[in-house]
Amino acid sequence: MSALLDATDKSRRTLRVAVIAAALGVAGMFTAAFTFAGEPAEAGEPAPQVAAAQR
């Protein structure tokens, strides 16, 4: 804990930005997971270009 007390204002600000960015990233992943979780995962018909390339 003494390392945090000895840290400068600039390093504390950098650490705070990094923690906030990580928290927003995790929140974004959960938001995306809950957004797409209610939709059925079904494969549609392949696009005509893909079907032609598979021949």
Protein backbone atom coordinates (compact mmCIF):
# COMPACT_ATOMS: atom_id res chain seq x y z
CA MET A 1 0.00 0.00 0.00
CA SER A 2 2.94 2.32 0.55
CA ALA A 3 3.71 2.21 -3.18
CA LEU A 4 0.33 3.81 -3.88
CA LEU A 5 0.96 6.49 -1.25
CA ASP A 6 4.33 7.27 -2.83
CA ALA A 7 2.87 7.50 -6.34
CA THR A 8 2.77 10.84 -8.09
CA ASP A 9 -0.42 12.54 -9.24
CA LYS A 10 0.37 11.72 -12.87
CA SER A 11 0.78 7.99 -12.20
CA ARG A 12 -2.41 7.95 -10.13
CA ARG A 13 -4.26 9.64 -12.99
CA THR A 14 -2.87 7.09 -15.45
CA LEU A 15 -3.90 4.23 -13.19
CA ARG A 16 -7.37 5.71 -12.76
CA VAL A 17 -7.82 6.02 -16.55
CA ALA A 18 -6.64 2.43 -17.05
CA VAL A 19 -9.05 1.10 -14.41
CA ILE A 20 -11.97 3.07 -15.84
CA ALA A 21 -11.18 1.84 -19.37
CA ALA A 22 -11.05 -1.76 -18.16
CA ALA A 23 -14.35 -1.36 -16.30
CA LEU A 24 -16.03 0.14 -19.36
CA GLY A 25 -14.70 -2.71 -21.49
CA VAL A 26 -16.14 -5.31 -19.12
CA ALA A 27 -19.45 -3.45 -18.96
CA GLY A 28 -19.51 -3.31 -22.77
CA MET A 29 -18.93 -7.05 -23.06
CA PHE A 30 -21.78 -7.80 -20.64
CA THR A 31 -24.04 -5.36 -22.47
CA ALA A 32 -23.31 -7.06 -25.79
CA ALA A 33 -23.82 -10.49 -24.28
CA PHE A 34 -27.20 -9.57 -22.83
CA THR A 35 -28.22 -7.75 -26.00
CA PHE A 36 -27.63 -10.71 -28.28
CA ALA A 37 -28.55 -13.46 -25.79
CA GLY A 38 -32.30 -13.12 -26.43
CA GLU A 39 -32.04 -13.68 -30.17
CA PRO A 40 -31.94 -17.20 -31.58
CA ALA A 41 -28.63 -18.16 -33.11
CA GLU A 42 -29.67 -19.50 -36.49
CA ALA A 43 -27.60 -19.74 -39.61
CA GLY A 44 -29.18 -18.11 -42.61
CA GLU A 45 -28.75 -18.87 -46.25
CA PRO A 46 -25.22 -18.18 -47.48
CA ALA A 47 -24.74 -15.13 -49.65
CA PRO A 48 -24.62 -15.85 -53.41
CA GLN A 49 -20.91 -14.99 -53.55
CA VAL A 50 -20.13 -17.49 -50.80
CA ALA A 51 -22.21 -20.23 -52.43
CA ALA A 52 -20.45 -19.68 -55.77
CA ALA A 53 -17.03 -19.77 -54.11
CA GLN A 54 -17.78 -23.10 -52.45
CA ARG A 55 -18.42 -24.88 -55.78
